[in-house]
N, C-alpha and C. Protein backbone atom coordinates (compact mmCIF):
# COMPACT_ATOMS: atom_id res chain seq x y z
N MET A 1 0.82 -1.17 0.00
CA MET A 1 0.00 0.00 0.00
C MET A 1 0.87 1.24 0.00
N VAL A 2 0.36 2.30 -0.58
CA VAL A 2 1.09 3.56 -0.66
C VAL A 2 0.55 4.50 0.41
N LYS A 3 1.44 5.05 1.21
CA LYS A 3 1.06 5.94 2.31
C LYS A 3 1.92 7.20 2.28
N ARG A 4 1.34 8.30 2.71
CA ARG A 4 2.07 9.55 2.86
C ARG A 4 2.36 9.76 4.34
N PHE A 5 3.58 10.19 4.63
CA PHE A 5 3.99 10.44 6.00
C PHE A 5 4.59 11.84 6.10
N TYR A 6 4.28 12.52 7.19
CA TYR A 6 4.88 13.83 7.46
C TYR A 6 6.06 13.64 8.38
N ILE A 7 7.19 14.23 8.02
CA ILE A 7 8.40 14.15 8.84
C ILE A 7 8.66 15.54 9.41
N PRO A 8 8.34 15.73 10.70
CA PRO A 8 8.50 17.07 11.28
C PRO A 8 9.96 17.54 11.35
N GLU A 9 10.90 16.62 11.50
CA GLU A 9 12.32 17.01 11.57
C GLU A 9 12.78 17.64 10.27
N GLU A 10 12.25 17.16 9.14
CA GLU A 10 12.64 17.68 7.83
C GLU A 10 11.58 18.62 7.26
N ASP A 11 10.46 18.78 7.96
CA ASP A 11 9.34 19.63 7.57
C ASP A 11 8.89 19.35 6.14
N LYS A 12 8.67 18.05 5.84
CA LYS A 12 8.18 17.69 4.52
C LYS A 12 7.38 16.40 4.56
N TRP A 13 6.63 16.18 3.51
CA TRP A 13 5.85 14.96 3.33
C TRP A 13 6.60 14.03 2.40
N ILE A 14 6.53 12.72 2.68
CA ILE A 14 7.09 11.72 1.77
C ILE A 14 6.03 10.68 1.49
N THR A 15 6.15 10.03 0.35
CA THR A 15 5.25 8.96 -0.04
C THR A 15 6.06 7.68 -0.11
N LEU A 16 5.60 6.66 0.59
CA LEU A 16 6.30 5.38 0.62
C LEU A 16 5.33 4.25 0.31
N LYS A 17 5.84 3.24 -0.38
CA LYS A 17 5.08 2.01 -0.56
C LYS A 17 5.51 1.09 0.57
N VAL A 18 4.58 0.79 1.49
CA VAL A 18 4.92 0.03 2.68
C VAL A 18 4.01 -1.19 2.81
N SER A 19 4.53 -2.20 3.45
CA SER A 19 3.75 -3.40 3.76
C SER A 19 3.04 -3.17 5.11
N ALA A 20 2.16 -4.09 5.44
CA ALA A 20 1.45 -3.99 6.72
C ALA A 20 2.44 -4.07 7.89
N SER A 21 3.43 -4.94 7.78
CA SER A 21 4.40 -5.06 8.87
C SER A 21 5.27 -3.80 8.98
N ALA A 22 5.59 -3.18 7.87
CA ALA A 22 6.36 -1.94 7.91
C ALA A 22 5.53 -0.83 8.56
N LEU A 23 4.24 -0.80 8.27
CA LEU A 23 3.37 0.20 8.88
C LEU A 23 3.29 0.01 10.39
N LYS A 24 3.29 -1.25 10.84
CA LYS A 24 3.31 -1.52 12.27
C LYS A 24 4.60 -1.02 12.90
N ASN A 25 5.73 -1.23 12.21
CA ASN A 25 7.02 -0.73 12.72
C ASN A 25 7.02 0.79 12.81
N ILE A 26 6.47 1.45 11.79
CA ILE A 26 6.41 2.91 11.80
C ILE A 26 5.55 3.40 12.96
N ASN A 27 4.44 2.74 13.20
CA ASN A 27 3.58 3.14 14.32
C ASN A 27 4.26 2.91 15.66
N ARG A 28 5.06 1.86 15.76
CA ARG A 28 5.71 1.52 17.02
C ARG A 28 6.93 2.41 17.28
N LYS A 29 7.81 2.54 16.27
CA LYS A 29 9.08 3.25 16.44
C LYS A 29 9.03 4.72 16.08
N GLY A 30 8.15 5.07 15.17
CA GLY A 30 8.09 6.44 14.65
C GLY A 30 8.73 6.50 13.28
N ILE A 31 8.24 7.38 12.45
CA ILE A 31 8.72 7.47 11.07
C ILE A 31 10.18 7.88 10.99
N ALA A 32 10.63 8.77 11.85
CA ALA A 32 12.02 9.24 11.80
C ALA A 32 13.00 8.10 12.09
N ALA A 33 12.70 7.27 13.07
CA ALA A 33 13.58 6.16 13.43
C ALA A 33 13.61 5.11 12.32
N VAL A 34 12.46 4.84 11.73
CA VAL A 34 12.39 3.84 10.66
C VAL A 34 13.15 4.33 9.43
N LEU A 35 13.01 5.61 9.09
CA LEU A 35 13.75 6.16 7.95
C LEU A 35 15.25 6.14 8.20
N LYS A 36 15.65 6.43 9.42
CA LYS A 36 17.08 6.40 9.76
C LYS A 36 17.65 4.99 9.57
N GLU A 37 16.91 3.98 10.03
CA GLU A 37 17.34 2.59 9.85
C GLU A 37 17.40 2.22 8.37
N ALA A 38 16.39 2.62 7.61
CA ALA A 38 16.33 2.28 6.18
C ALA A 38 17.49 2.92 5.43
N ARG A 39 17.82 4.17 5.78
CA ARG A 39 18.96 4.83 5.13
C ARG A 39 20.26 4.14 5.49
N ALA A 40 20.41 3.71 6.73
CA ALA A 40 21.64 3.04 7.18
C ALA A 40 21.82 1.70 6.46
N LYS A 41 20.72 1.02 6.18
CA LYS A 41 20.79 -0.28 5.50
C LYS A 41 20.85 -0.14 3.98
N GLY A 42 20.69 1.08 3.48
CA GLY A 42 20.78 1.31 2.05
C GLY A 42 19.47 1.13 1.29
N PHE A 43 18.36 1.09 1.98
CA PHE A 43 17.06 0.93 1.31
C PHE A 43 16.62 2.25 0.67
N LEU A 44 17.03 3.37 1.24
CA LEU A 44 16.66 4.68 0.73
C LEU A 44 17.92 5.42 0.30
N THR A 45 17.82 6.17 -0.76
CA THR A 45 18.99 6.89 -1.25
C THR A 45 19.06 8.31 -0.74
N LYS A 46 17.94 8.90 -0.37
CA LYS A 46 17.95 10.28 0.11
C LYS A 46 17.86 10.34 1.60
C-alpha cells in the first residue's frame, strides 16, 4: 500500500510504498527512526 507520512524534523511529506508489517514498525518506532534505519541499511537513497 502507498502511504504519505509527514516528517517534522525535515518539515516535509514523503510517499512510501509500505507493507502492513512496515506500517506496524512505523507506528511503534516512529517514522524518523524507521527512515534512519532504512537509510543506514541502504534501502533509501535520500
